[in-house]
Amino acid sequence: MNSLELKNDLLRLLMETDDTQLLEKVRRYFKLLKHEPVSDVTLEAQELAMVEIGLQQIEKGQVMSHEEVRKRIEQRLYKKQQ
């Protein structure tokens, strides 16, 4: 695919969705890849969105203890060192 075809395909995918969370993720990821600074307003919105996601996960019981998290981190770090 050449660059014009890629752009057209990306535009088509963007136009096919009204999911604002997905669009915001794509926008942030694209900016990250281009090494563009993210404004304080954007960071605040991202932080609020992450808090909301965390609260929803708590309500659904999708939580783990601090000990479980530390254990998982240690396991992943140990695997990478091998």
PDB file of N, CA and C in Angstrom:
ATOM      1  N   MET A   1       0.833  -1.186   0.000  1.00  0.00           N
ATOM      2  CA  MET A   1       0.000   0.000   0.000  1.00  0.00           C
ATOM      3  C   MET A   1       0.873   1.243   0.000  1.00  0.00           C
ATOM      4  N   ASN A   2       0.547   2.160  -0.859  1.00  0.00           N
ATOM      5  CA  ASN A   2       1.300   3.420  -0.854  1.00  0.00           C
ATOM      6  C   ASN A   2       0.703   4.369   0.193  1.00  0.00           C
ATOM      7  N   SER A   3       1.319   5.499   0.361  1.00  0.00           N
ATOM      8  CA  SER A   3       0.907   6.413   1.424  1.00  0.00           C
ATOM      9  C   SER A   3      -0.514   6.948   1.219  1.00  0.00           C
ATOM     10  N   LEU A   4      -0.900   7.228  -0.008  1.00  0.00           N
ATOM     11  CA  LEU A   4      -2.253   7.723  -0.269  1.00  0.00           C
ATOM     12  C   LEU A   4      -3.296   6.656   0.060  1.00  0.00           C
ATOM     13  N   GLU A   5      -3.023   5.418  -0.304  1.00  0.00           N
ATOM     14  CA  GLU A   5      -3.951   4.331   0.004  1.00  0.00           C
ATOM     15  C   GLU A   5      -4.073   4.127   1.521  1.00  0.00           C
ATOM     16  N   LEU A   6      -2.959   4.222   2.223  1.00  0.00           N
ATOM     17  CA  LEU A   6      -2.990   4.095   3.681  1.00  0.00           C
ATOM     18  C   LEU A   6      -3.810   5.215   4.320  1.00  0.00           C
ATOM     19  N   LYS A   7      -3.605   6.438   3.846  1.00  0.00           N
ATOM     20  CA  LYS A   7      -4.364   7.571   4.377  1.00  0.00           C
ATOM     21  C   LYS A   7      -5.861   7.390   4.132  1.00  0.00           C
ATOM     22  N   ASN A   8      -6.202   6.974   2.926  1.00  0.00           N
ATOM     23  CA  ASN A   8      -7.612   6.761   2.602  1.00  0.00           C
ATOM     24  C   ASN A   8      -8.222   5.670   3.467  1.00  0.00           C
ATOM     25  N   ASP A   9      -7.470   4.614   3.692  1.00  0.00           N
ATOM     26  CA  ASP A   9      -7.970   3.532   4.532  1.00  0.00           C
ATOM     27  C   ASP A   9      -8.156   4.002   5.976  1.00  0.00           C
ATOM     28  N   LEU A  10      -7.187   4.758   6.484  1.00  0.00           N
ATOM     29  CA  LEU A  10      -7.312   5.299   7.844  1.00  0.00           C
ATOM     30  C   LEU A  10      -8.510   6.239   7.949  1.00  0.00           C
ATOM     31  N   LEU A  11      -8.683   7.096   6.976  1.00  0.00           N
ATOM     32  CA  LEU A  11      -9.836   8.007   6.969  1.00  0.00           C
ATOM     33  C   LEU A  11     -11.150   7.232   6.942  1.00  0.00           C
ATOM     34  N   ARG A  12     -11.198   6.194   6.143  1.00  0.00           N
ATOM     35  CA  ARG A  12     -12.414   5.372   6.073  1.00  0.00           C
ATOM     36  C   ARG A  12     -12.710   4.766   7.439  1.00  0.00           C
ATOM     37  N   LEU A  13     -11.687   4.205   8.086  1.00  0.00           N
ATOM     38  CA  LEU A  13     -11.880   3.603   9.408  1.00  0.00           C
ATOM     39  C   LEU A  13     -12.340   4.643  10.423  1.00  0.00           C
ATOM     40  N   LEU A  14     -11.738   5.818  10.389  1.00  0.00           N
ATOM     41  CA  LEU A  14     -12.138   6.887  11.310  1.00  0.00           C
ATOM     42  C   LEU A  14     -13.581   7.311  11.076  1.00  0.00           C
ATOM     43  N   MET A  15     -13.960   7.427   9.825  1.00  0.00           N
ATOM     44  CA  MET A  15     -15.308   7.899   9.501  1.00  0.00           C
ATOM     45  C   MET A  15     -16.376   6.854   9.838  1.00  0.00           C
ATOM     46  N   GLU A  16     -15.987   5.601   9.922  1.00  0.00           N
ATOM     47  CA  GLU A  16     -16.955   4.540  10.196  1.00  0.00           C
ATOM     48  C   GLU A  16     -17.305   4.408  11.676  1.00  0.00           C
ATOM     49  N   THR A  17     -16.609   5.119  12.561  1.00  0.00           N
ATOM     50  CA  THR A  17     -16.894   4.978  13.983  1.00  0.00           C
ATOM     51  C   THR A  17     -17.325   6.298  14.607  1.00  0.00           C
ATOM     52  N   ASP A  18     -18.206   6.179  15.578  1.00  0.00           N
ATOM     53  CA  ASP A  18     -18.611   7.327  16.385  1.00  0.00           C
ATOM     54  C   ASP A  18     -18.175   7.128  17.837  1.00  0.00           C
ATOM     55  N   ASP A  19     -17.362   6.117  18.075  1.00  0.00           N
ATOM     56  CA  ASP A  19     -16.877   5.802  19.425  1.00  0.00           C
ATOM     57  C   ASP A  19     -15.824   6.841  19.823  1.00  0.00           C
ATOM     58  N   THR A  20     -16.225   7.801  20.651  1.00  0.00           N
ATOM     59  CA  THR A  20     -15.312   8.887  21.009  1.00  0.00           C
ATOM     60  C   THR A  20     -14.106   8.388  21.799  1.00  0.00           C
ATOM     61  N   GLN A  21     -14.283   7.365  22.616  1.00  0.00           N
ATOM     62  CA  GLN A  21     -13.137   6.831  23.368  1.00  0.00           C
ATOM     63  C   GLN A  21     -12.109   6.221  22.424  1.00  0.00           C
ATOM     64  N   LEU A  22     -12.576   5.480  21.449  1.00  0.00           N
ATOM     65  CA  LEU A  22     -11.670   4.887  20.466  1.00  0.00           C
ATOM     66  C   LEU A  22     -10.969   5.974  19.666  1.00  0.00           C
ATOM     67  N   LEU A  23     -11.716   6.966  19.222  1.00  0.00           N
ATOM     68  CA  LEU A  23     -11.122   8.058  18.447  1.00  0.00           C
ATOM     69  C   LEU A  23     -10.080   8.812  19.271  1.00  0.00           C
ATOM     70  N   GLU A  24     -10.363   9.040  20.543  1.00  0.00           N
ATOM     71  CA  GLU A  24      -9.406   9.723  21.417  1.00  0.00           C
ATOM     72  C   GLU A  24      -8.144   8.889  21.593  1.00  0.00           C
ATOM     73  N   LYS A  25      -8.282   7.589  21.734  1.00  0.00           N
ATOM     74  CA  LYS A  25      -7.114   6.711  21.860  1.00  0.00           C
ATOM     75  C   LYS A  25      -6.260   6.767  20.593  1.00  0.00           C
ATOM     76  N   VAL A  26      -6.924   6.734  19.452  1.00  0.00           N
ATOM     77  CA  VAL A  26      -6.200   6.790  18.168  1.00  0.00           C
ATOM     78  C   VAL A  26      -5.461   8.118  18.052  1.00  0.00           C
ATOM     79  N   ARG A  27      -6.134   9.204  18.421  1.00  0.00           N
ATOM     80  CA  ARG A  27      -5.512  10.528  18.338  1.00  0.00           C
ATOM     81  C   ARG A  27      -4.285  10.620  19.236  1.00  0.00           C
ATOM     82  N   ARG A  28      -4.426  10.146  20.484  1.00  0.00           N
ATOM     83  CA  ARG A  28      -3.291  10.188  21.416  1.00  0.00           C
ATOM     84  C   ARG A  28      -2.131   9.322  20.917  1.00  0.00           C
ATOM     85  N   TYR A  29      -2.463   8.135  20.413  1.00  0.00           N
ATOM     86  CA  TYR A  29      -1.421   7.234  19.925  1.00  0.00           C
ATOM     87  C   TYR A  29      -0.700   7.845  18.725  1.00  0.00           C
ATOM     88  N   PHE A  30      -1.442   8.440  17.831  1.00  0.00           N
ATOM     89  CA  PHE A  30      -0.836   9.076  16.662  1.00  0.00           C
ATOM     90  C   PHE A  30       0.088  10.202  17.087  1.00  0.00           C
ATOM     91  N   LYS A  31      -0.353  11.038  18.036  1.00  0.00           N
ATOM     92  CA  LYS A  31       0.493  12.119  18.534  1.00  0.00           C
ATOM     93  C   LYS A  31       1.751  11.560  19.189  1.00  0.00           C
ATOM     94  N   LEU A  32       1.581  10.493  19.926  1.00  0.00           N
ATOM     95  CA  LEU A  32       2.728   9.853  20.568  1.00  0.00           C
ATOM     96  C   LEU A  32       3.736   9.383  19.526  1.00  0.00           C
ATOM     97  N   LEU A  33       3.249   8.753  18.485  1.00  0.00           N
ATOM     98  CA  LEU A  33       4.133   8.269  17.420  1.00  0.00           C
ATOM     99  C   LEU A  33       4.840   9.410  16.695  1.00  0.00           C
ATOM    100  N   LYS A  34       4.164  10.560  16.580  1.00  0.00           N
ATOM    101  CA  LYS A  34       4.758  11.720  15.922  1.00  0.00           C
ATOM    102  C   LYS A  34       5.585  12.567  16.881  1.00  0.00           C
ATOM    103  N   HIS A  35       5.615  12.160  18.144  1.00  0.00           N
ATOM    104  CA  HIS A  35       6.353  12.881  19.185  1.00  0.00           C
ATOM    105  C   HIS A  35       5.847  14.302  19.361  1.00  0.00           C
ATOM    106  N   GLU A  36       4.525  14.475  19.242  1.00  0.00           N
ATOM    107  CA  GLU A  36       3.931  15.786  19.463  1.00  0.00           C
ATOM    108  C   GLU A  36       3.585  15.942  20.939  1.00  0.00           C
ATOM    109  N   PRO A  37       3.762  17.122  21.479  1.00  0.00           N
ATOM    110  CA  PRO A  37       3.393  17.329  22.880  1.00  0.00           C
ATOM    111  C   PRO A  37       1.883  17.217  23.065  1.00  0.00           C
ATOM    112  N   VAL A  38       1.503  16.734  24.231  1.00  0.00           N
ATOM    113  CA  VAL A  38       0.094  16.620  24.580  1.00  0.00           C
ATOM    114  C   VAL A  38      -0.216  17.736  25.564  1.00  0.00           C
ATOM    115  N   SER A  39      -1.287  18.470  25.325  1.00  0.00           N
ATOM    116  CA  SER A  39      -1.615  19.620  26.166  1.00  0.00           C
ATOM    117  C   SER A  39      -2.084  19.185  27.551  1.00  0.00           C
ATOM    118  N   ASP A  40      -2.027  20.122  28.500  1.00  0.00           N
ATOM    119  CA  ASP A  40      -2.508  19.858  29.851  1.00  0.00           C
ATOM    120  C   ASP A  40      -3.985  19.506  29.851  1.00  0.00           C
ATOM    121  N   VAL A  41      -4.748  20.152  28.977  1.00  0.00           N
ATOM    122  CA  VAL A  41      -6.185  19.873  28.887  1.00  0.00           C
ATOM    123  C   VAL A  41      -6.397  18.423  28.460  1.00  0.00           C
ATOM    124  N   THR A  42      -5.597  17.973  27.490  1.00  0.00           N
ATOM    125  CA  THR A  42      -5.701  16.597  27.024  1.00  0.00           C
ATOM    126  C   THR A  42      -5.308  15.639  28.134  1.00  0.00           C
ATOM    127  N   LEU A  43      -4.232  15.951  28.853  1.00  0.00           N
ATOM    128  CA  LEU A  43      -3.813  15.084  29.945  1.00  0.00           C
ATOM    129  C   LEU A  43      -4.899  14.977  31.002  1.00  0.00           C
ATOM    130  N   GLU A  44      -5.514  16.099  31.343  1.00  0.00           N
ATOM    131  CA  GLU A  44      -6.576  16.069  32.346  1.00  0.00           C
ATOM    132  C   GLU A  44      -7.727  15.188  31.867  1.00  0.00           C
ATOM    133  N   ALA A  45      -8.091  15.313  30.613  1.00  0.00           N
ATOM    134  CA  ALA A  45      -9.177  14.500  30.061  1.00  0.00           C
ATOM    135  C   ALA A  45      -8.797  13.025  30.080  1.00  0.00           C
ATOM    136  N   GLN A  46      -7.529  12.738  29.756  1.00  0.00           N
ATOM    137  CA  GLN A  46      -7.057  11.359  29.775  1.00  0.00           C
ATOM    138  C   GLN A  46      -7.091  10.797  31.190  1.00  0.00           C
ATOM    139  N   GLU A  47      -6.649  11.602  32.139  1.00  0.00           N
ATOM    140  CA  GLU A  47      -6.636  11.160  33.527  1.00  0.00           C
ATOM    141  C   GLU A  47      -8.052  10.874  34.013  1.00  0.00           C
ATOM    142  N   LEU A  48      -8.978  11.768  33.690  1.00  0.00           N
ATOM    143  CA  LEU A  48     -10.370  11.558  34.089  1.00  0.00           C
ATOM    144  C   LEU A  48     -10.939  10.292  33.446  1.00  0.00           C
ATOM    145  N   ALA A  49     -10.607  10.066  32.178  1.00  0.00           N
ATOM    146  CA  ALA A  49     -11.082   8.868  31.487  1.00  0.00           C
ATOM    147  C   ALA A  49     -10.504   7.609  32.134  1.00  0.00           C
ATOM    148  N   MET A  50      -9.230   7.657  32.516  1.00  0.00           N
ATOM    149  CA  MET A  50      -8.607   6.495  33.150  1.00  0.00           C
ATOM    150  C   MET A  50      -9.220   6.231  34.524  1.00  0.00           C
ATOM    151  N   VAL A  51      -9.520   7.287  35.274  1.00  0.00           N
ATOM    152  CA  VAL A  51     -10.181   7.118  36.573  1.00  0.00           C
ATOM    153  C   VAL A  51     -11.555   6.494  36.371  1.00  0.00           C
ATOM    154  N   GLU A  52     -12.287   6.963  35.378  1.00  0.00           N
ATOM    155  CA  GLU A  52     -13.617   6.412  35.104  1.00  0.00           C
ATOM    156  C   GLU A  52     -13.524   4.928  34.748  1.00  0.00           C
ATOM    157  N   ILE A  53     -12.561   4.569  33.928  1.00  0.00           N
ATOM    158  CA  ILE A  53     -12.363   3.158  33.564  1.00  0.00           C
ATOM    159  C   ILE A  53     -12.040   2.346  34.814  1.00  0.00           C
ATOM    160  N   GLY A  54     -11.175   2.883  35.674  1.00  0.00           N
ATOM    161  CA  GLY A  54     -10.827   2.196  36.914  1.00  0.00           C
ATOM    162  C   GLY A  54     -12.031   1.985  37.809  1.00  0.00           C
ATOM    163  N   LEU A  55     -12.878   2.989  37.919  1.00  0.00           N
ATOM    164  CA  LEU A  55     -14.086   2.860  38.741  1.00  0.00           C
ATOM    165  C   LEU A  55     -15.029   1.799  38.176  1.00  0.00           C
ATOM    166  N   GLN A  56     -15.152   1.765  36.863  1.00  0.00           N
ATOM    167  CA  GLN A  56     -15.989   0.740  36.224  1.00  0.00           C
ATOM    168  C   GLN A  56     -15.424  -0.654  36.487  1.00  0.00           C
ATOM    169  N   GLN A  57     -14.101  -0.789  36.438  1.00  0.00           N
ATOM    170  CA  GLN A  57     -13.476  -2.083  36.714  1.00  0.00           C
ATOM    171  C   GLN A  57     -13.723  -2.511  38.160  1.00  0.00           C
ATOM    172  N   ILE A  58     -13.660  -1.575  39.084  1.00  0.00           N
ATOM    173  CA  ILE A  58     -13.927  -1.886  40.490  1.00  0.00           C
ATOM    174  C   ILE A  58     -15.360  -2.378  40.647  1.00  0.00           C
ATOM    175  N   GLU A  59     -16.307  -1.679  40.015  1.00  0.00           N
ATOM    176  CA  GLU A  59     -17.706  -2.078  40.098  1.00  0.00           C
ATOM    177  C   GLU A  59     -17.938  -3.484  39.546  1.00  0.00           C
ATOM    178  N   LYS A  60     -17.163  -3.858  38.526  1.00  0.00           N
ATOM    179  CA  LYS A  60     -17.294  -5.186  37.913  1.00  0.00           C
ATOM    180  C   LYS A  60     -16.493  -6.247  38.661  1.00  0.00           C
ATOM    181  N   GLY A  61     -15.764  -5.828  39.694  1.00  0.00           N
ATOM    182  CA  GLY A  61     -14.957  -6.781  40.453  1.00  0.00           C
ATOM    183  C   GLY A  61     -13.644  -7.145  39.775  1.00  0.00           C
ATOM    184  N   GLN A  62     -13.236  -6.346  38.813  1.00  0.00           N
ATOM    185  CA  GLN A  62     -11.992  -6.606  38.080  1.00  0.00           C
ATOM    186  C   GLN A  62     -10.833  -5.934  38.809  1.00  0.00           C
ATOM    187  N   VAL A  63     -10.530  -6.453  39.988  1.00  0.00           N
ATOM    188  CA  VAL A  63      -9.477  -5.876  40.819  1.00  0.00           C
ATOM    189  C   VAL A  63      -8.538  -6.971  41.293  1.00  0.00           C
ATOM    190  N   MET A  64      -7.357  -6.572  41.725  1.00  0.00           N
ATOM    191  CA  MET A  64      -6.438  -7.513  42.354  1.00  0.00           C
ATOM    192  C   MET A  64      -5.675  -6.773  43.441  1.00  0.00           C
ATOM    193  N   SER A  65      -5.190  -7.533  44.388  1.00  0.00           N
ATOM    194  CA  SER A  65      -4.501  -6.933  45.524  1.00  0.00           C
ATOM    195  C   SER A  65      -3.126  -6.408  45.110  1.00  0.00           C
ATOM    196  N   HIS A  66      -2.592  -5.571  45.966  1.00  0.00           N
ATOM    197  CA  HIS A  66      -1.255  -5.028  45.739  1.00  0.00           C
ATOM    198  C   HIS A  66      -0.238  -6.166  45.653  1.00  0.00           C
ATOM    199  N   GLU A  67      -0.392  -7.155  46.518  1.00  0.00           N
ATOM    200  CA  GLU A  67       0.523  -8.312  46.506  1.00  0.00           C
ATOM    201  C   GLU A  67       0.460  -9.054  45.177  1.00  0.00           C
ATOM    202  N   GLU A  68      -0.753  -9.239  44.637  1.00  0.00           N
ATOM    203  CA  GLU A  68      -0.905  -9.928  43.357  1.00  0.00           C
ATOM    204  C   GLU A  68      -0.209  -9.153  42.233  1.00  0.00           C
ATOM    205  N   VAL A  69      -0.369  -7.851  42.252  1.00  0.00           N
ATOM    206  CA  VAL A  69       0.250  -7.013  41.224  1.00  0.00           C
ATOM    207  C   VAL A  69       1.763  -7.110  41.301  1.00  0.00           C
ATOM    208  N   ARG A  70       2.312  -6.981  42.501  1.00  0.00           N
ATOM    209  CA  ARG A  70       3.769  -7.061  42.663  1.00  0.00           C
ATOM    210  C   ARG A  70       4.294  -8.419  42.198  1.00  0.00           C
ATOM    211  N   LYS A  71       3.560  -9.484  42.508  1.00  0.00           N
ATOM    212  CA  LYS A  71       3.964 -10.826  42.101  1.00  0.00           C
ATOM    213  C   LYS A  71       3.993 -10.936  40.576  1.00  0.00           C
ATOM    214  N   ARG A  72       2.972 -10.406  39.912  1.00  0.00           N
ATOM    215  CA  ARG A  72       2.917 -10.434  38.445  1.00  0.00           C
ATOM    216  C   ARG A  72       4.069  -9.645  37.836  1.00  0.00           C
ATOM    217  N   ILE A  73       4.342  -8.484  38.409  1.00  0.00           N
ATOM    218  CA  ILE A  73       5.437  -7.660  37.905  1.00  0.00           C
ATOM    219  C   ILE A  73       6.759  -8.405  38.041  1.00  0.00           C
ATOM    220  N   GLU A  74       6.988  -8.998  39.193  1.00  0.00           N
ATOM    221  CA  GLU A  74       8.225  -9.762  39.407  1.00  0.00           C
ATOM    222  C   GLU A  74       8.344 -10.898  38.404  1.00  0.00           C
ATOM    223  N   GLN A  75       7.242 -11.606  38.155  1.00  0.00           N
ATOM    224  CA  GLN A  75       7.264 -12.708  37.205  1.00  0.00           C
ATOM    225  C   GLN A  75       7.617 -12.219  35.800  1.00  0.00           C
ATOM    226  N   ARG A  76       7.034 -11.107  35.393  1.00  0.00           N
ATOM    227  CA  ARG A  76       7.314 -10.569  34.047  1.00  0.00           C
ATOM    228  C   ARG A  76       8.754 -10.079  33.949  1.00  0.00           C
ATOM    229  N   LEU A  77       9.229  -9.414  34.982  1.00  0.00           N
ATOM    230  CA  LEU A  77      10.614  -8.925  34.963  1.00  0.00           C
ATOM    231  C   LEU A  77      11.582 -10.097  34.948  1.00  0.00           C
ATOM    232  N   TYR A  78      11.272 -11.124  35.714  1.00  0.00           N
ATOM    233  CA  TYR A  78      12.154 -12.296  35.767  1.00  0.00           C
ATOM    234  C   TYR A  78      12.204 -12.983  34.400  1.00  0.00           C
ATOM    235  N   LYS A  79      11.060 -13.082  33.721  1.00  0.00           N
ATOM    236  CA  LYS A  79      11.024 -13.706  32.394  1.00  0.00           C
ATOM    237  C   LYS A  79      11.863 -12.924  31.398  1.00  0.00           C
ATOM    238  N   LYS A  80      11.824 -11.585  31.472  1.00  0.00           N
ATOM    239  CA  LYS A  80      12.582 -10.742  30.537  1.00  0.00           C
ATOM    240  C   LYS A  80      14.075 -10.853  30.771  1.00  0.00           C
ATOM    241  N   GLN A  81      14.483 -11.149  32.009  1.00  0.00           N
ATOM    242  CA  GLN A  81      15.904 -11.227  32.330  1.00  0.00           C
ATOM    243  C   GLN A  81      16.519 -12.534  31.863  1.00  0.00           C
ATOM    244  N   GLN A  82      15.701 -13.538  31.619  1.00  0.00           N
ATOM    245  CA  GLN A  82      16.230 -14.846  31.207  1.00  0.00           C
ATOM    246  C   GLN A  82      16.649 -14.860  29.765  1.00  0.00           C
TER     247      GLN A  82
END
